[in-house]
Amino acid sequence: MSDNPENNTYWSANIRIVTWCLVIWAIVPFGFGILLRSMFSGVMIGGADLGFWVAQQGSILVFLAIIFFYAWRMNRLDAQYGVDEQ
């Protein structure tokens, strides 16, 4: 890593975004699909309870949302630090 403080700030922000995305991605299928599944057992979606649905389809949808959020946020961060694609 470079000694340039602006580069260090950019990479710190990048790592913070990646960390939060991974935390959200881990919480949704594990937390809602496994740990809290019994809470959602009475709610049915498409013939399956909500806990199962979140663990299967919901986690995929959250992953796709995280991909789009990450791309959008990194474009803003790149523009802020002048390393965007022109």
N, C-alpha and C. Protein backbone atom coordinates (compact mmCIF):
# COMPACT_ATOMS: atom_id res chain seq x y z
N MET A 1 0.84 -1.17 0.00
CA MET A 1 0.00 0.00 0.00
C MET A 1 0.89 1.24 0.00
N SER A 2 0.43 2.26 -0.63
CA SER A 2 1.20 3.49 -0.76
C SER A 2 1.17 4.29 0.54
N ASP A 3 2.14 5.19 0.68
CA ASP A 3 2.19 6.05 1.85
C ASP A 3 1.31 7.29 1.69
N ASN A 4 0.68 7.43 0.54
CA ASN A 4 -0.20 8.56 0.28
C ASN A 4 -1.44 8.46 1.17
N PRO A 5 -1.70 9.47 2.01
CA PRO A 5 -2.86 9.41 2.91
C PRO A 5 -4.20 9.32 2.18
N GLU A 6 -4.27 9.95 1.00
CA GLU A 6 -5.52 9.89 0.23
C GLU A 6 -5.80 8.47 -0.26
N ASN A 7 -4.74 7.75 -0.66
CA ASN A 7 -4.91 6.35 -1.07
C ASN A 7 -5.37 5.50 0.11
N ASN A 8 -4.77 5.73 1.27
CA ASN A 8 -5.16 4.98 2.46
C ASN A 8 -6.62 5.24 2.84
N THR A 9 -7.06 6.49 2.71
CA THR A 9 -8.45 6.83 3.00
C THR A 9 -9.38 6.15 2.01
N TYR A 10 -9.01 6.15 0.73
CA TYR A 10 -9.82 5.49 -0.29
C TYR A 10 -9.96 4.00 0.01
N TRP A 11 -8.86 3.34 0.30
CA TRP A 11 -8.92 1.90 0.56
C TRP A 11 -9.62 1.58 1.87
N SER A 12 -9.51 2.45 2.84
CA SER A 12 -10.25 2.24 4.09
C SER A 12 -11.75 2.31 3.84
N ALA A 13 -12.18 3.28 3.03
CA ALA A 13 -13.60 3.39 2.69
C ALA A 13 -14.05 2.18 1.89
N ASN A 14 -13.22 1.72 0.97
CA ASN A 14 -13.53 0.55 0.16
C ASN A 14 -13.70 -0.69 1.04
N ILE A 15 -12.79 -0.91 1.95
CA ILE A 15 -12.84 -2.08 2.84
C ILE A 15 -14.06 -1.98 3.76
N ARG A 16 -14.41 -0.78 4.19
CA ARG A 16 -15.59 -0.60 5.05
C ARG A 16 -16.86 -0.98 4.29
N ILE A 17 -16.96 -0.58 3.03
CA ILE A 17 -18.13 -0.93 2.21
C ILE A 17 -18.20 -2.43 2.00
N VAL A 18 -17.08 -3.04 1.67
CA VAL A 18 -17.05 -4.49 1.46
C VAL A 18 -17.43 -5.23 2.74
N THR A 19 -16.92 -4.77 3.88
CA THR A 19 -17.23 -5.42 5.15
C THR A 19 -18.72 -5.36 5.46
N TRP A 20 -19.34 -4.20 5.29
CA TRP A 20 -20.78 -4.07 5.56
C TRP A 20 -21.59 -4.92 4.60
N CYS A 21 -21.19 -4.98 3.34
CA CYS A 21 -21.90 -5.83 2.37
C CYS A 21 -21.82 -7.29 2.77
N LEU A 22 -20.65 -7.74 3.20
CA LEU A 22 -20.50 -9.14 3.62
C LEU A 22 -21.27 -9.44 4.90
N VAL A 23 -21.31 -8.49 5.82
CA VAL A 23 -22.07 -8.68 7.06
C VAL A 23 -23.57 -8.83 6.74
N ILE A 24 -24.08 -7.96 5.90
CA ILE A 24 -25.50 -8.05 5.51
C ILE A 24 -25.77 -9.36 4.79
N TRP A 25 -24.87 -9.74 3.89
CA TRP A 25 -25.05 -10.97 3.13
C TRP A 25 -25.03 -12.19 4.06
N ALA A 26 -24.26 -12.16 5.13
CA ALA A 26 -24.21 -13.28 6.06
C ALA A 26 -25.42 -13.29 7.00
N ILE A 27 -25.88 -12.12 7.41
CA ILE A 27 -26.99 -12.05 8.36
C ILE A 27 -28.30 -12.51 7.73
N VAL A 28 -28.55 -12.14 6.51
CA VAL A 28 -29.86 -12.45 5.90
C VAL A 28 -30.10 -13.96 5.81
N PRO A 29 -29.25 -14.75 5.14
CA PRO A 29 -29.57 -16.18 5.07
C PRO A 29 -29.37 -16.91 6.40
N PHE A 30 -28.33 -16.56 7.13
CA PHE A 30 -28.06 -17.27 8.38
C PHE A 30 -29.02 -16.84 9.48
N GLY A 31 -29.17 -15.54 9.65
CA GLY A 31 -30.03 -15.02 10.72
C GLY A 31 -31.50 -15.29 10.48
N PHE A 32 -31.99 -14.86 9.31
CA PHE A 32 -33.41 -15.00 9.03
C PHE A 32 -33.78 -16.41 8.56
N GLY A 33 -32.87 -17.05 7.83
CA GLY A 33 -33.17 -18.37 7.30
C GLY A 33 -32.95 -19.51 8.27
N ILE A 34 -32.06 -19.35 9.24
CA ILE A 34 -31.75 -20.44 10.16
C ILE A 34 -32.12 -20.08 11.59
N LEU A 35 -31.56 -19.00 12.12
CA LEU A 35 -31.78 -18.67 13.53
C LEU A 35 -33.20 -18.22 13.83
N LEU A 36 -33.78 -17.43 12.96
CA LEU A 36 -35.13 -16.90 13.20
C LEU A 36 -36.20 -17.63 12.41
N ARG A 37 -35.88 -18.79 11.88
CA ARG A 37 -36.83 -19.52 11.04
C ARG A 37 -38.10 -19.88 11.79
N SER A 38 -37.98 -20.27 13.04
CA SER A 38 -39.17 -20.66 13.81
C SER A 38 -40.14 -19.49 13.99
N MET A 39 -39.61 -18.27 14.04
CA MET A 39 -40.47 -17.10 14.15
C MET A 39 -41.32 -16.90 12.89
N PHE A 40 -40.77 -17.27 11.74
CA PHE A 40 -41.44 -17.06 10.47
C PHE A 40 -42.19 -18.29 9.98
N SER A 41 -42.30 -19.34 10.80
CA SER A 41 -42.87 -20.59 10.33
C SER A 41 -44.35 -20.48 9.97
N GLY A 42 -45.08 -19.55 10.55
CA GLY A 42 -46.50 -19.41 10.26
C GLY A 42 -46.80 -18.61 9.01
N VAL A 43 -45.85 -17.86 8.52
CA VAL A 43 -46.06 -17.01 7.35
C VAL A 43 -45.70 -17.81 6.10
N MET A 44 -46.67 -18.01 5.22
CA MET A 44 -46.45 -18.83 4.02
C MET A 44 -46.28 -17.93 2.79
N ILE A 45 -45.30 -18.28 1.97
CA ILE A 45 -45.08 -17.61 0.69
C ILE A 45 -44.86 -18.69 -0.35
N GLY A 46 -45.76 -18.78 -1.31
CA GLY A 46 -45.62 -19.75 -2.39
C GLY A 46 -45.56 -21.19 -1.92
N GLY A 47 -46.25 -21.54 -0.86
CA GLY A 47 -46.28 -22.91 -0.39
C GLY A 47 -45.18 -23.27 0.59
N ALA A 48 -44.31 -22.33 0.91
CA ALA A 48 -43.22 -22.58 1.86
C ALA A 48 -43.25 -21.48 2.92
N ASP A 49 -42.74 -21.81 4.11
CA ASP A 49 -42.74 -20.79 5.15
C ASP A 49 -41.69 -19.72 4.85
N LEU A 50 -41.86 -18.56 5.45
CA LEU A 50 -41.02 -17.39 5.16
C LEU A 50 -39.54 -17.64 5.47
N GLY A 51 -39.25 -18.38 6.53
CA GLY A 51 -37.85 -18.68 6.86
C GLY A 51 -37.15 -19.46 5.77
N PHE A 52 -37.85 -20.46 5.22
CA PHE A 52 -37.28 -21.24 4.11
C PHE A 52 -37.11 -20.36 2.88
N TRP A 53 -38.12 -19.53 2.61
CA TRP A 53 -38.07 -18.66 1.44
C TRP A 53 -36.89 -17.70 1.53
N VAL A 54 -36.68 -17.10 2.71
CA VAL A 54 -35.57 -16.16 2.88
C VAL A 54 -34.24 -16.88 2.69
N ALA A 55 -34.13 -18.08 3.24
CA ALA A 55 -32.88 -18.83 3.11
C ALA A 55 -32.59 -19.21 1.66
N GLN A 56 -33.63 -19.43 0.88
CA GLN A 56 -33.43 -19.84 -0.51
C GLN A 56 -33.44 -18.64 -1.46
N GLN A 57 -34.61 -18.14 -1.78
CA GLN A 57 -34.73 -17.06 -2.76
C GLN A 57 -34.35 -15.70 -2.19
N GLY A 58 -34.69 -15.46 -0.95
CA GLY A 58 -34.43 -14.16 -0.35
C GLY A 58 -32.95 -13.82 -0.29
N SER A 59 -32.13 -14.81 0.04
CA SER A 59 -30.69 -14.54 0.11
C SER A 59 -30.10 -14.25 -1.26
N ILE A 60 -30.65 -14.87 -2.29
CA ILE A 60 -30.19 -14.57 -3.66
C ILE A 60 -30.57 -13.15 -4.04
N LEU A 61 -31.81 -12.74 -3.72
CA LEU A 61 -32.24 -11.38 -4.04
C LEU A 61 -31.43 -10.34 -3.27
N VAL A 62 -31.12 -10.63 -2.02
CA VAL A 62 -30.29 -9.72 -1.23
C VAL A 62 -28.89 -9.64 -1.83
N PHE A 63 -28.35 -10.78 -2.27
CA PHE A 63 -27.03 -10.78 -2.90
C PHE A 63 -27.03 -9.92 -4.15
N LEU A 64 -28.06 -10.03 -4.98
CA LEU A 64 -28.15 -9.19 -6.18
C LEU A 64 -28.26 -7.71 -5.82
N ALA A 65 -29.05 -7.40 -4.79
CA ALA A 65 -29.17 -6.01 -4.35
C ALA A 65 -27.83 -5.48 -3.86
N ILE A 66 -27.07 -6.32 -3.15
CA ILE A 66 -25.76 -5.91 -2.66
C ILE A 66 -24.81 -5.64 -3.82
N ILE A 67 -24.87 -6.45 -4.87
CA ILE A 67 -24.02 -6.23 -6.04
C ILE A 67 -24.30 -4.86 -6.66
N PHE A 68 -25.58 -4.55 -6.85
CA PHE A 68 -25.93 -3.25 -7.44
C PHE A 68 -25.56 -2.10 -6.51
N PHE A 69 -25.79 -2.26 -5.21
CA PHE A 69 -25.41 -1.23 -4.25
C PHE A 69 -23.90 -1.01 -4.28
N TYR A 70 -23.13 -2.10 -4.28
CA TYR A 70 -21.66 -1.98 -4.28
C TYR A 70 -21.17 -1.26 -5.53
N ALA A 71 -21.71 -1.61 -6.69
CA ALA A 71 -21.30 -0.95 -7.93
C ALA A 71 -21.63 0.54 -7.89
N TRP A 72 -22.84 0.88 -7.41
CA TRP A 72 -23.25 2.27 -7.32
C TRP A 72 -22.38 3.04 -6.34
N ARG A 73 -22.14 2.46 -5.17
CA ARG A 73 -21.36 3.14 -4.13
C ARG A 73 -19.90 3.28 -4.53
N MET A 74 -19.34 2.26 -5.19
CA MET A 74 -17.94 2.36 -5.61
C MET A 74 -17.78 3.38 -6.73
N ASN A 75 -18.76 3.52 -7.60
CA ASN A 75 -18.68 4.57 -8.63
C ASN A 75 -18.64 5.95 -7.98
N ARG A 76 -19.46 6.15 -6.94
CA ARG A 76 -19.43 7.43 -6.21
C ARG A 76 -18.09 7.63 -5.50
N LEU A 77 -17.58 6.58 -4.87
CA LEU A 77 -16.31 6.67 -4.16
C LEU A 77 -15.16 6.94 -5.13
N ASP A 78 -15.17 6.25 -6.27
CA ASP A 78 -14.13 6.48 -7.28
C ASP A 78 -14.16 7.92 -7.79
N ALA A 79 -15.35 8.45 -8.02
CA ALA A 79 -15.46 9.83 -8.48
C ALA A 79 -14.99 10.80 -7.40
N GLN A 80 -15.28 10.48 -6.15
CA GLN A 80 -14.87 11.34 -5.04
C GLN A 80 -13.35 11.44 -4.93
N TYR A 81 -12.66 10.35 -5.20
CA TYR A 81 -11.20 10.33 -5.08
C TYR A 81 -10.50 10.49 -6.44
N GLY A 82 -11.24 10.71 -7.50
CA GLY A 82 -10.65 10.98 -8.80
C GLY A 82 -10.05 9.77 -9.48
N VAL A 83 -10.54 8.58 -9.17
CA VAL A 83 -10.01 7.37 -9.81
C VAL A 83 -11.10 6.68 -10.63
N ASP A 84 -12.13 7.44 -11.00
CA ASP A 84 -13.22 6.87 -11.78
C ASP A 84 -12.81 6.69 -13.24
N GLU A 85 -13.57 5.84 -13.93
CA GLU A 85 -13.33 5.61 -15.36
C GLU A 85 -13.92 6.77 -16.14
N GLN A 86 -13.16 7.29 -17.06
CA GLN A 86 -13.64 8.46 -17.79
C GLN A 86 -13.86 8.14 -19.23
